PDB file of N, CA and C in Angstrom:
ATOM      1  N   MET A   1       9.725   6.330  22.364  1.00  0.00           N
ATOM      2  CA  MET A   1       9.335   7.426  21.514  1.00  0.00           C
ATOM      3  C   MET A   1       8.382   6.929  20.410  1.00  0.00           C
ATOM      4  N   PHE A   2       8.675   5.767  19.869  1.00  0.00           N
ATOM      5  CA  PHE A   2       7.836   5.188  18.817  1.00  0.00           C
ATOM      6  C   PHE A   2       6.407   5.008  19.324  1.00  0.00           C
ATOM      7  N   PHE A   3       6.271   4.343  20.467  1.00  0.00           N
ATOM      8  CA  PHE A   3       4.944   4.064  21.004  1.00  0.00           C
ATOM      9  C   PHE A   3       4.278   5.307  21.588  1.00  0.00           C
ATOM     10  N   SER A   4       5.053   6.255  22.078  1.00  0.00           N
ATOM     11  CA  SER A   4       4.423   7.474  22.602  1.00  0.00           C
ATOM     12  C   SER A   4       3.769   8.265  21.477  1.00  0.00           C
ATOM     13  N   ASN A   5       4.360   8.250  20.287  1.00  0.00           N
ATOM     14  CA  ASN A   5       3.739   8.922  19.144  1.00  0.00           C
ATOM     15  C   ASN A   5       2.484   8.188  18.697  1.00  0.00           C
ATOM     16  N   ILE A   6       2.532   6.874  18.682  1.00  0.00           N
ATOM     17  CA  ILE A   6       1.332   6.099  18.328  1.00  0.00           C
ATOM     18  C   ILE A   6       0.225   6.367  19.349  1.00  0.00           C
ATOM     19  N   ASN A   7       0.577   6.369  20.630  1.00  0.00           N
ATOM     20  CA  ASN A   7      -0.424   6.620  21.673  1.00  0.00           C
ATOM     21  C   ASN A   7      -1.034   8.008  21.543  1.00  0.00           C
ATOM     22  N   TYR A   8      -0.201   9.011  21.235  1.00  0.00           N
ATOM     23  CA  TYR A   8      -0.727  10.373  21.071  1.00  0.00           C
ATOM     24  C   TYR A   8      -1.735  10.416  19.923  1.00  0.00           C
ATOM     25  N   ILE A   9      -1.390   9.777  18.816  1.00  0.00           N
ATOM     26  CA  ILE A   9      -2.299   9.745  17.668  1.00  0.00           C
ATOM     27  C   ILE A   9      -3.595   9.033  18.046  1.00  0.00           C
ATOM     28  N   GLU A  10      -3.459   7.891  18.710  1.00  0.00           N
ATOM     29  CA  GLU A  10      -4.639   7.105  19.088  1.00  0.00           C
ATOM     30  C   GLU A  10      -5.567   7.880  20.022  1.00  0.00           C
ATOM     31  N   LYS A  11      -4.996   8.607  20.971  1.00  0.00           N
ATOM     32  CA  LYS A  11      -5.805   9.365  21.934  1.00  0.00           C
ATOM     33  C   LYS A  11      -6.476  10.575  21.304  1.00  0.00           C
ATOM     34  N   ASN A  12      -5.866  11.127  20.262  1.00  0.00           N
ATOM     35  CA  ASN A  12      -6.372  12.370  19.692  1.00  0.00           C
ATOM     36  C   ASN A  12      -7.021  12.237  18.326  1.00  0.00           C
ATOM     37  N   ILE A  13      -7.123  11.034  17.802  1.00  0.00           N
ATOM     38  CA  ILE A  13      -7.660  10.858  16.456  1.00  0.00           C
ATOM     39  C   ILE A  13      -9.109  11.340  16.348  1.00  0.00           C
ATOM     40  N   THR A  14      -9.877  11.197  17.419  1.00  0.00           N
ATOM     41  CA  THR A  14     -11.264  11.664  17.388  1.00  0.00           C
ATOM     42  C   THR A  14     -11.414  13.035  18.023  1.00  0.00           C
ATOM     43  N   GLU A  15     -10.299  13.600  18.464  1.00  0.00           N
ATOM     44  CA  GLU A  15     -10.308  14.931  19.075  1.00  0.00           C
ATOM     45  C   GLU A  15      -9.733  15.935  18.072  1.00  0.00           C
ATOM     46  N   VAL A  16      -8.884  16.794  18.554  1.00  0.00           N
ATOM     47  CA  VAL A  16      -8.261  17.816  17.715  1.00  0.00           C
ATOM     48  C   VAL A  16      -6.990  17.251  17.097  1.00  0.00           C
ATOM     49  N   GLN A  17      -6.933  17.236  15.786  1.00  0.00           N
ATOM     50  CA  GLN A  17      -5.730  16.787  15.090  1.00  0.00           C
ATOM     51  C   GLN A  17      -4.858  18.022  14.828  1.00  0.00           C
ATOM     52  N   ASP A  18      -4.155  18.418  15.879  1.00  0.00           N
ATOM     53  CA  ASP A  18      -3.378  19.650  15.863  1.00  0.00           C
ATOM     54  C   ASP A  18      -1.975  19.439  15.299  1.00  0.00           C
ATOM     55  N   ALA A  19      -1.131  20.454  15.453  1.00  0.00           N
ATOM     56  CA  ALA A  19       0.239  20.396  14.942  1.00  0.00           C
ATOM     57  C   ALA A  19       1.026  19.264  15.598  1.00  0.00           C
ATOM     58  N   LYS A  20       0.821  19.027  16.890  1.00  0.00           N
ATOM     59  CA  LYS A  20       1.526  17.935  17.576  1.00  0.00           C
ATOM     60  C   LYS A  20       1.088  16.585  17.007  1.00  0.00           C
ATOM     61  N   PHE A  21      -0.171  16.457  16.689  1.00  0.00           N
ATOM     62  CA  PHE A  21      -0.699  15.240  16.074  1.00  0.00           C
ATOM     63  C   PHE A  21       0.005  14.989  14.743  1.00  0.00           C
ATOM     64  N   LYS A  22       0.069  16.013  13.900  1.00  0.00           N
ATOM     65  CA  LYS A  22       0.710  15.879  12.589  1.00  0.00           C
ATOM     66  C   LYS A  22       2.213  15.661  12.730  1.00  0.00           C
ATOM     67  N   ASN A  23       2.825  16.241  13.766  1.00  0.00           N
ATOM     68  CA  ASN A  23       4.244  16.015  14.018  1.00  0.00           C
ATOM     69  C   ASN A  23       4.486  14.552  14.392  1.00  0.00           C
ATOM     70  N   SER A  24       3.600  13.972  15.172  1.00  0.00           N
ATOM     71  CA  SER A  24       3.722  12.559  15.522  1.00  0.00           C
ATOM     72  C   SER A  24       3.663  11.685  14.271  1.00  0.00           C
ATOM     73  N   LEU A  25       2.769  12.014  13.352  1.00  0.00           N
ATOM     74  CA  LEU A  25       2.692  11.279  12.090  1.00  0.00           C
ATOM     75  C   LEU A  25       3.988  11.438  11.294  1.00  0.00           C
ATOM     76  N   ASN A  26       4.528  12.651  11.268  1.00  0.00           N
ATOM     77  CA  ASN A  26       5.779  12.897  10.540  1.00  0.00           C
ATOM     78  C   ASN A  26       6.938  12.103  11.129  1.00  0.00           C
ATOM     79  N   ILE A  27       7.016  12.044  12.452  1.00  0.00           N
ATOM     80  CA  ILE A  27       8.085  11.279  13.108  1.00  0.00           C
ATOM     81  C   ILE A  27       7.964   9.808  12.739  1.00  0.00           C
ATOM     82  N   LEU A  28       6.751   9.262  12.831  1.00  0.00           N
ATOM     83  CA  LEU A  28       6.539   7.855  12.483  1.00  0.00           C
ATOM     84  C   LEU A  28       6.863   7.581  11.018  1.00  0.00           C
ATOM     85  N   SER A  29       6.574   8.542  10.150  1.00  0.00           N
ATOM     86  CA  SER A  29       6.773   8.331   8.711  1.00  0.00           C
ATOM     87  C   SER A  29       8.242   8.163   8.341  1.00  0.00           C
ATOM     88  N   LYS A  30       9.143   8.492   9.244  1.00  0.00           N
ATOM     89  CA  LYS A  30      10.566   8.289   8.979  1.00  0.00           C
ATOM     90  C   LYS A  30      10.944   6.817   9.072  1.00  0.00           C
ATOM     91  N   TYR A  31      10.075   6.016   9.677  1.00  0.00           N
ATOM     92  CA  TYR A  31      10.352   4.596   9.902  1.00  0.00           C
ATOM     93  C   TYR A  31       9.340   3.680   9.248  1.00  0.00           C
ATOM     94  N   VAL A  32       8.097   4.107   9.231  1.00  0.00           N
ATOM     95  CA  VAL A  32       7.001   3.268   8.752  1.00  0.00           C
ATOM     96  C   VAL A  32       6.112   4.066   7.796  1.00  0.00           C
ATOM     97  N   PRO A  33       5.412   3.371   6.908  1.00  0.00           N
ATOM     98  CA  PRO A  33       4.517   4.086   5.995  1.00  0.00           C
ATOM     99  C   PRO A  33       3.337   4.731   6.730  1.00  0.00           C
ATOM    100  N   VAL A  34       3.053   5.969   6.384  1.00  0.00           N
ATOM    101  CA  VAL A  34       1.884   6.695   6.902  1.00  0.00           C
ATOM    102  C   VAL A  34       1.076   7.133   5.685  1.00  0.00           C
ATOM    103  N   SER A  35      -0.200   6.872   5.700  1.00  0.00           N
ATOM    104  CA  SER A  35      -1.066   7.158   4.546  1.00  0.00           C
ATOM    105  C   SER A  35      -1.473   8.627   4.498  1.00  0.00           C
ATOM    106  N   PHE A  36      -0.510   9.502   4.273  1.00  0.00           N
ATOM    107  CA  PHE A  36      -0.801  10.938   4.200  1.00  0.00           C
ATOM    108  C   PHE A  36      -1.770  11.255   3.063  1.00  0.00           C
ATOM    109  N   GLU A  37      -1.680  10.508   1.962  1.00  0.00           N
ATOM    110  CA  GLU A  37      -2.546  10.777   0.820  1.00  0.00           C
ATOM    111  C   GLU A  37      -4.019  10.580   1.159  1.00  0.00           C
ATOM    112  N   ARG A  38      -4.300   9.793   2.168  1.00  0.00           N
ATOM    113  CA  ARG A  38      -5.692   9.557   2.573  1.00  0.00           C
ATOM    114  C   ARG A  38      -6.212  10.696   3.463  1.00  0.00           C
ATOM    115  N   MET A  39      -5.324  11.646   3.784  1.00  0.00           N
ATOM    116  CA  MET A  39      -5.739  12.822   4.545  1.00  0.00           C
ATOM    117  C   MET A  39      -6.272  13.910   3.623  1.00  0.00           C
ATOM    118  N   ALA A  40      -6.207  13.685   2.330  1.00  0.00           N
ATOM    119  CA  ALA A  40      -6.689  14.672   1.364  1.00  0.00           C
ATOM    120  C   ALA A  40      -8.207  14.560   1.257  1.00  0.00           C
ATOM    121  N   ASN A  41      -8.866  14.849   2.368  1.00  0.00           N
ATOM    122  CA  ASN A  41     -10.329  14.793   2.410  1.00  0.00           C
ATOM    123  C   ASN A  41     -10.855  16.171   2.789  1.00  0.00           C
ATOM    124  N   TYR A  42     -12.131  16.298   2.846  1.00  0.00           N
ATOM    125  CA  TYR A  42     -12.762  17.586   3.119  1.00  0.00           C
ATOM    126  C   TYR A  42     -12.268  18.213   4.423  1.00  0.00           C
ATOM    127  N   ALA A  43     -12.106  17.417   5.448  1.00  0.00           N
ATOM    128  CA  ALA A  43     -11.685  17.923   6.760  1.00  0.00           C
ATOM    129  C   ALA A  43     -10.173  17.959   6.914  1.00  0.00           C
ATOM    130  N   ASN A  44      -9.427  17.462   5.919  1.00  0.00           N
ATOM    131  CA  ASN A  44      -7.966  17.385   5.999  1.00  0.00           C
ATOM    132  C   ASN A  44      -7.545  16.659   7.273  1.00  0.00           C
ATOM    133  N   SER A  45      -8.255  15.570   7.569  1.00  0.00           N
ATOM    134  CA  SER A  45      -8.006  14.814   8.801  1.00  0.00           C
ATOM    135  C   SER A  45      -7.521  13.410   8.474  1.00  0.00           C
ATOM    136  N   TYR A  46      -6.992  12.781   9.484  1.00  0.00           N
ATOM    137  CA  TYR A  46      -6.498  11.412   9.385  1.00  0.00           C
ATOM    138  C   TYR A  46      -7.621  10.496   9.857  1.00  0.00           C
ATOM    139  N   PRO A  47      -8.308   9.819   8.928  1.00  0.00           N
ATOM    140  CA  PRO A  47      -9.462   8.989   9.297  1.00  0.00           C
ATOM    141  C   PRO A  47      -9.081   7.827  10.216  1.00  0.00           C
ATOM    142  N   ILE A  48      -9.961   7.496  11.130  1.00  0.00           N
ATOM    143  CA  ILE A  48      -9.684   6.447  12.106  1.00  0.00           C
ATOM    144  C   ILE A  48      -9.468   5.083  11.443  1.00  0.00           C
ATOM    145  N   GLY A  49     -10.202   4.788  10.387  1.00  0.00           N
ATOM    146  CA  GLY A  49     -10.014   3.514   9.687  1.00  0.00           C
ATOM    147  C   GLY A  49      -8.634   3.416   9.051  1.00  0.00           C
ATOM    148  N   VAL A  50      -8.153   4.520   8.517  1.00  0.00           N
ATOM    149  CA  VAL A  50      -6.811   4.566   7.928  1.00  0.00           C
ATOM    150  C   VAL A  50      -5.778   4.375   9.026  1.00  0.00           C
ATOM    151  N   PHE A  51      -5.995   5.031  10.167  1.00  0.00           N
ATOM    152  CA  PHE A  51      -5.083   4.871  11.306  1.00  0.00           C
ATOM    153  C   PHE A  51      -5.003   3.407  11.727  1.00  0.00           C
ATOM    154  N   GLU A  52      -6.147   2.767  11.840  1.00  0.00           N
ATOM    155  CA  GLU A  52      -6.172   1.368  12.279  1.00  0.00           C
ATOM    156  C   GLU A  52      -5.399   0.476  11.315  1.00  0.00           C
ATOM    157  N   ASP A  53      -5.544   0.714  10.004  1.00  0.00           N
ATOM    158  CA  ASP A  53      -4.793  -0.056   9.010  1.00  0.00           C
ATOM    159  C   ASP A  53      -3.301   0.231   9.102  1.00  0.00           C
ATOM    160  N   ASP A  54      -2.949   1.520   9.193  1.00  0.00           N
ATOM    161  CA  ASP A  54      -1.542   1.906   9.299  1.00  0.00           C
ATOM    162  C   ASP A  54      -0.915   1.336  10.566  1.00  0.00           C
ATOM    163  N   LYS A  55      -1.645   1.400  11.672  1.00  0.00           N
ATOM    164  CA  LYS A  55      -1.110   0.943  12.959  1.00  0.00           C
ATOM    165  C   LYS A  55      -0.719  -0.530  12.912  1.00  0.00           C
ATOM    166  N   LYS A  56      -1.522  -1.341  12.232  1.00  0.00           N
ATOM    167  CA  LYS A  56      -1.188  -2.764  12.087  1.00  0.00           C
ATOM    168  C   LYS A  56       0.184  -2.916  11.433  1.00  0.00           C
ATOM    169  N   GLY A  57       0.427  -2.152  10.376  1.00  0.00           N
ATOM    170  CA  GLY A  57       1.711  -2.197   9.688  1.00  0.00           C
ATOM    171  C   GLY A  57       2.845  -1.688  10.565  1.00  0.00           C
ATOM    172  N   TRP A  58       2.573  -0.641  11.354  1.00  0.00           N
ATOM    173  CA  TRP A  58       3.605  -0.084  12.232  1.00  0.00           C
ATOM    174  C   TRP A  58       4.029  -1.108  13.280  1.00  0.00           C
ATOM    175  N   LEU A  59       3.048  -1.793  13.861  1.00  0.00           N
ATOM    176  CA  LEU A  59       3.352  -2.784  14.892  1.00  0.00           C
ATOM    177  C   LEU A  59       4.072  -3.993  14.307  1.00  0.00           C
ATOM    178  N   GLU A  60       3.705  -4.385  13.091  1.00  0.00           N
ATOM    179  CA  GLU A  60       4.415  -5.468  12.420  1.00  0.00           C
ATOM    180  C   GLU A  60       5.866  -5.076  12.169  1.00  0.00           C
ATOM    181  N   TRP A  61       6.086  -3.840  11.690  1.00  0.00           N
ATOM    182  CA  TRP A  61       7.437  -3.346  11.459  1.00  0.00           C
ATOM    183  C   TRP A  61       8.236  -3.389  12.756  1.00  0.00           C
ATOM    184  N   TYR A  62       7.647  -2.926  13.847  1.00  0.00           N
ATOM    185  CA  TYR A  62       8.340  -2.908  15.130  1.00  0.00           C
ATOM    186  C   TYR A  62       8.714  -4.323  15.563  1.00  0.00           C
ATOM    187  N   GLU A  63       7.779  -5.254  15.450  1.00  0.00           N
ATOM    188  CA  GLU A  63       8.049  -6.638  15.844  1.00  0.00           C
ATOM    189  C   GLU A  63       9.200  -7.231  15.031  1.00  0.00           C
ATOM    190  N   LYS A  64       9.249  -6.927  13.744  1.00  0.00           N
ATOM    191  CA  LYS A  64      10.310  -7.455  12.878  1.00  0.00           C
ATOM    192  C   LYS A  64      11.662  -6.832  13.188  1.00  0.00           C
ATOM    193  N   ASN A  65      11.661  -5.591  13.675  1.00  0.00           N
ATOM    194  CA  ASN A  65      12.910  -4.847  13.825  1.00  0.00           C
ATOM    195  C   ASN A  65      13.352  -4.598  15.259  1.00  0.00           C
ATOM    196  N   LYS A  66      12.590  -5.042  16.242  1.00  0.00           N
ATOM    197  CA  LYS A  66      12.891  -4.698  17.628  1.00  0.00           C
ATOM    198  C   LYS A  66      14.210  -5.282  18.122  1.00  0.00           C
ATOM    199  N   CYS A  67      14.697  -6.336  17.521  1.00  0.00           N
ATOM    200  CA  CYS A  67      15.952  -6.949  17.956  1.00  0.00           C
ATOM    201  C   CYS A  67      17.144  -6.461  17.125  1.00  0.00           C
ATOM    202  N   ASN A  68      16.936  -5.462  16.309  1.00  0.00           N
ATOM    203  CA  ASN A  68      17.998  -4.942  15.450  1.00  0.00           C
ATOM    204  C   ASN A  68      18.628  -3.671  16.009  1.00  0.00           C
ATOM    205  N   ASN A  69      18.605  -3.514  17.338  1.00  0.00           N
ATOM    206  CA  ASN A  69      19.174  -2.327  17.978  1.00  0.00           C
ATOM    207  C   ASN A  69      18.624  -1.035  17.359  1.00  0.00           C
ATOM    208  N   LEU A  70      17.307  -0.940  17.332  1.00  0.00           N
ATOM    209  CA  LEU A  70      16.657   0.241  16.749  1.00  0.00           C
ATOM    210  C   LEU A  70      17.108   1.506  17.448  1.00  0.00           C
ATOM    211  N   LYS A  71      17.439   2.494  16.673  1.00  0.00           N
ATOM    212  CA  LYS A  71      17.749   3.812  17.200  1.00  0.00           C
ATOM    213  C   LYS A  71      16.927   4.799  16.405  1.00  0.00           C
ATOM    214  N   LEU A  72      16.058   5.496  17.091  1.00  0.00           N
ATOM    215  CA  LEU A  72      15.213   6.465  16.407  1.00  0.00           C
ATOM    216  C   LEU A  72      16.003   7.724  16.120  1.00  0.00           C
ATOM    217  N   LYS A  73      15.753   8.294  14.953  1.00  0.00           N
ATOM    218  CA  LYS A  73      16.434   9.508  14.553  1.00  0.00           C
ATOM    219  C   LYS A  73      15.953  10.668  15.410  1.00  0.00           C
ATOM    220  N   VAL A  74      16.880  11.484  15.837  1.00  0.00           N
ATOM    221  CA  VAL A  74      16.538  12.656  16.638  1.00  0.00           C
ATOM    222  C   VAL A  74      16.093  13.761  15.705  1.00  0.00           C
ATOM    223  N   THR A  75      14.920  14.352  16.005  1.00  0.00           N
ATOM    224  CA  THR A  75      14.405  15.462  15.209  1.00  0.00           C
ATOM    225  C   THR A  75      14.238  16.668  16.101  1.00  0.00           C
ATOM    226  N   ASN A  76      14.242  17.811  15.509  1.00  0.00           N
ATOM    227  CA  ASN A  76      14.076  19.054  16.284  1.00  0.00           C
ATOM    228  C   ASN A  76      12.648  19.297  16.630  1.00  0.00           C
TER     229      ASN A  76
END
């Protein structure tokens, strides 16, 4: 689930940043920092450079925590 949300964001960052895109960011934000404040731009979009920086942190977090029996929170 963690990587499927990252993949969805990566595939759609230059396309339509729809409700599912923003939901993926919200799901990830429960575990890792997401730079929502950097979305306060004219297009109200998640810039690709910000994504690339955030993704590095997300992958580092995963590597540090993957052996800790990670259980992702279930959301509606």
